[in-house]
Amino acid sequence: MKIRAIILAAALAGVGVTVVAAADEPQAVRQQLMKKVGRAAGALNGIAKGEKPYDAEIVRASLTTISETVKIFPSHFPAGSETGSETEASPKIWQNMDDFKAKAAKLGTDASALLAQLPADKAGVGAALGILGKDCSSCHETYRLKRD
């Protein structure tokens, strides 16, 4: 009975290690970061569309999330992480890393500028999304693979 418990514990520990290792893979990390940015943009979109009431704290938190996340995002594209974990990252990223980083930096700069001049109402949030959306599209059009 003790041997069985030890084997089960070892097997469960191995599964835990696999999950932790997978979570540390750059592909998984950058996917989580993009989901975080997506949730922040979604919160702003809800306000801009009038689905949610304007809330300065939500706007501030969302812009902060975008600004801070894109600062670290490009560091999760090391050589050798071009494939795996159903990545949508285009090989073009590694061929033109400087441009990729510049696009991320522009998004971060624009989000920080919007944060400094916080949109004060629904229309302001909509205008902010117009700026951020162009930044996101600029990068996605070039550096994101399209899923079938």
Protein backbone atom coordinates (compact mmCIF):
# COMPACT_ATOMS: atom_id res chain seq x y z
CA MET A 1 0.00 0.00 0.00
CA LYS A 2 2.84 2.42 0.80
CA ILE A 3 4.54 1.68 -2.52
CA ARG A 4 1.32 2.44 -4.33
CA ALA A 5 1.02 5.80 -2.53
CA ILE A 6 4.64 6.65 -3.36
CA ILE A 7 4.14 5.80 -7.03
CA LEU A 8 0.94 7.86 -7.17
CA ALA A 9 2.64 10.81 -5.46
CA ALA A 10 5.59 10.60 -7.86
CA ALA A 11 3.26 10.46 -10.86
CA LEU A 12 1.29 13.48 -9.64
CA ALA A 13 4.50 15.38 -8.95
CA GLY A 14 5.63 14.63 -12.50
CA VAL A 15 2.37 15.99 -13.90
CA GLY A 16 2.84 19.14 -11.83
CA VAL A 17 6.34 19.60 -13.16
CA THR A 18 5.08 19.20 -16.72
CA VAL A 19 2.40 21.85 -16.16
CA VAL A 20 4.91 24.26 -14.61
CA ALA A 21 7.41 23.64 -17.42
CA ALA A 22 4.73 24.23 -20.05
CA ALA A 23 3.67 27.44 -18.33
CA ASP A 24 7.26 28.70 -18.50
CA GLU A 25 7.60 28.03 -22.23
CA PRO A 26 7.85 31.35 -24.09
CA GLN A 27 4.94 30.45 -26.35
CA ALA A 28 2.65 29.89 -23.36
CA VAL A 29 3.85 33.02 -21.59
CA ARG A 30 3.29 35.27 -24.59
CA GLN A 31 -0.14 33.74 -25.21
CA GLN A 32 -1.10 34.55 -21.63
CA LEU A 33 0.23 38.09 -22.01
CA MET A 34 -1.83 38.61 -25.18
CA LYS A 35 -4.93 37.28 -23.41
CA LYS A 36 -4.29 39.81 -20.66
CA VAL A 37 -4.08 42.63 -23.23
CA GLY A 38 -7.21 41.26 -24.91
CA ARG A 39 -9.16 41.34 -21.64
CA ALA A 40 -8.04 44.92 -21.02
CA ALA A 41 -9.04 45.96 -24.55
CA GLY A 42 -12.34 44.14 -24.09
CA ALA A 43 -13.09 46.13 -20.95
CA LEU A 44 -12.40 49.36 -22.84
CA ASN A 45 -14.51 48.17 -25.76
CA GLY A 46 -17.46 47.50 -23.45
CA ILE A 47 -17.31 51.10 -22.26
CA ALA A 48 -16.84 52.50 -25.78
CA LYS A 49 -19.87 50.57 -27.05
CA GLY A 50 -22.00 51.65 -24.09
CA GLU A 51 -22.38 48.07 -22.87
CA LYS A 52 -20.73 49.10 -19.58
CA PRO A 53 -20.87 52.46 -17.85
CA TYR A 54 -17.80 54.69 -17.97
CA ASP A 55 -15.55 53.91 -15.01
CA ALA A 56 -12.28 55.82 -14.73
CA GLU A 57 -10.71 53.07 -12.61
CA ILE A 58 -11.45 50.41 -15.21
CA VAL A 59 -10.07 52.68 -17.95
CA ARG A 60 -6.95 53.39 -15.89
CA ALA A 61 -6.43 49.72 -15.01
CA SER A 62 -6.95 48.60 -18.62
CA LEU A 63 -4.53 51.16 -20.06
CA THR A 64 -2.00 50.32 -17.35
CA THR A 65 -2.29 46.63 -18.18
CA ILE A 66 -1.70 47.28 -21.87
CA SER A 67 1.16 49.69 -21.24
CA GLU A 68 2.99 47.43 -18.80
CA THR A 69 2.35 44.16 -20.63
CA VAL A 70 3.70 45.29 -23.99
CA LYS A 71 6.92 46.42 -22.34
CA ILE A 72 7.80 42.81 -21.49
CA PHE A 73 5.99 41.06 -24.34
CA PRO A 74 8.81 41.15 -26.95
CA SER A 75 11.24 39.50 -24.53
CA HIS A 76 9.26 36.26 -24.83
CA PHE A 77 10.34 35.55 -28.41
CA PRO A 78 13.73 33.91 -28.01
CA ALA A 79 15.29 32.01 -30.90
CA GLY A 80 13.89 28.49 -30.99
CA SER A 81 10.38 29.49 -29.89
CA GLU A 82 9.06 29.94 -33.41
CA THR A 83 6.85 26.87 -33.16
CA GLY A 84 4.95 24.93 -30.53
CA SER A 85 1.98 25.52 -28.25
CA GLU A 86 -0.21 26.40 -31.23
CA THR A 87 1.66 29.68 -31.58
CA GLU A 88 0.31 32.28 -33.96
CA ALA A 89 3.64 34.07 -34.08
CA SER A 90 4.88 34.52 -37.62
CA PRO A 91 8.48 33.59 -38.47
CA LYS A 92 8.72 37.21 -39.69
CA ILE A 93 9.16 38.24 -36.03
CA TRP A 94 12.57 36.62 -35.84
CA GLN A 95 13.49 37.93 -39.29
CA ASN A 96 12.74 41.52 -38.29
CA MET A 97 12.91 41.65 -34.49
CA ASP A 98 13.74 45.37 -34.40
CA ASP A 99 10.53 46.29 -36.23
CA PHE A 100 8.52 43.90 -34.06
CA LYS A 101 9.91 45.52 -30.92
CA ALA A 102 9.26 48.98 -32.36
CA LYS A 103 5.61 48.12 -32.96
CA ALA A 104 5.25 46.85 -29.39
CA ALA A 105 6.98 49.98 -28.10
CA LYS A 106 4.58 52.21 -30.07
CA LEU A 107 1.60 50.45 -28.51
CA GLY A 108 3.17 50.90 -25.07
CA THR A 109 3.94 54.57 -25.70
CA ASP A 110 0.44 55.26 -26.98
CA ALA A 111 -1.15 53.43 -24.02
CA SER A 112 1.05 55.40 -21.61
CA ALA A 113 0.12 58.70 -23.29
CA LEU A 114 -3.57 57.82 -23.04
CA LEU A 115 -3.05 56.90 -19.41
CA ALA A 116 -1.47 60.30 -18.75
CA GLN A 117 -4.45 62.01 -20.43
CA LEU A 118 -7.09 59.56 -19.23
CA PRO A 119 -10.14 59.47 -21.47
CA ALA A 120 -12.93 61.15 -19.52
CA ASP A 121 -15.98 59.56 -21.12
CA LYS A 122 -17.33 56.92 -23.48
CA ALA A 123 -16.33 58.92 -26.58
CA GLY A 124 -12.80 59.39 -25.25
CA VAL A 125 -12.48 55.66 -24.64
CA GLY A 126 -13.68 55.02 -28.20
CA ALA A 127 -11.06 57.42 -29.56
CA ALA A 128 -8.39 55.74 -27.42
CA LEU A 129 -9.39 52.37 -28.83
CA GLY A 130 -9.01 53.78 -32.33
CA ILE A 131 -5.38 54.63 -31.58
CA LEU A 132 -4.62 51.37 -29.82
CA GLY A 133 -6.48 49.33 -32.42
CA LYS A 134 -4.30 50.74 -35.20
CA ASP A 135 -1.20 49.78 -33.21
CA CYS A 136 -2.49 46.26 -32.62
CA SER A 137 -3.54 45.82 -36.25
CA SER A 138 -0.21 47.08 -37.51
CA CYS A 139 1.57 44.34 -35.61
CA HIS A 140 -0.98 41.56 -36.14
CA GLU A 141 -1.14 42.11 -39.90
CA THR A 142 2.60 41.53 -40.20
CA TYR A 143 3.53 39.29 -37.30
CA ARG A 144 0.53 37.11 -36.50
CA LEU A 145 -0.31 33.97 -38.44
CA LYS A 146 -3.91 33.64 -39.51
CA ARG A 147 -5.74 30.58 -38.21
CA ASP A 148 -7.80 28.58 -40.66
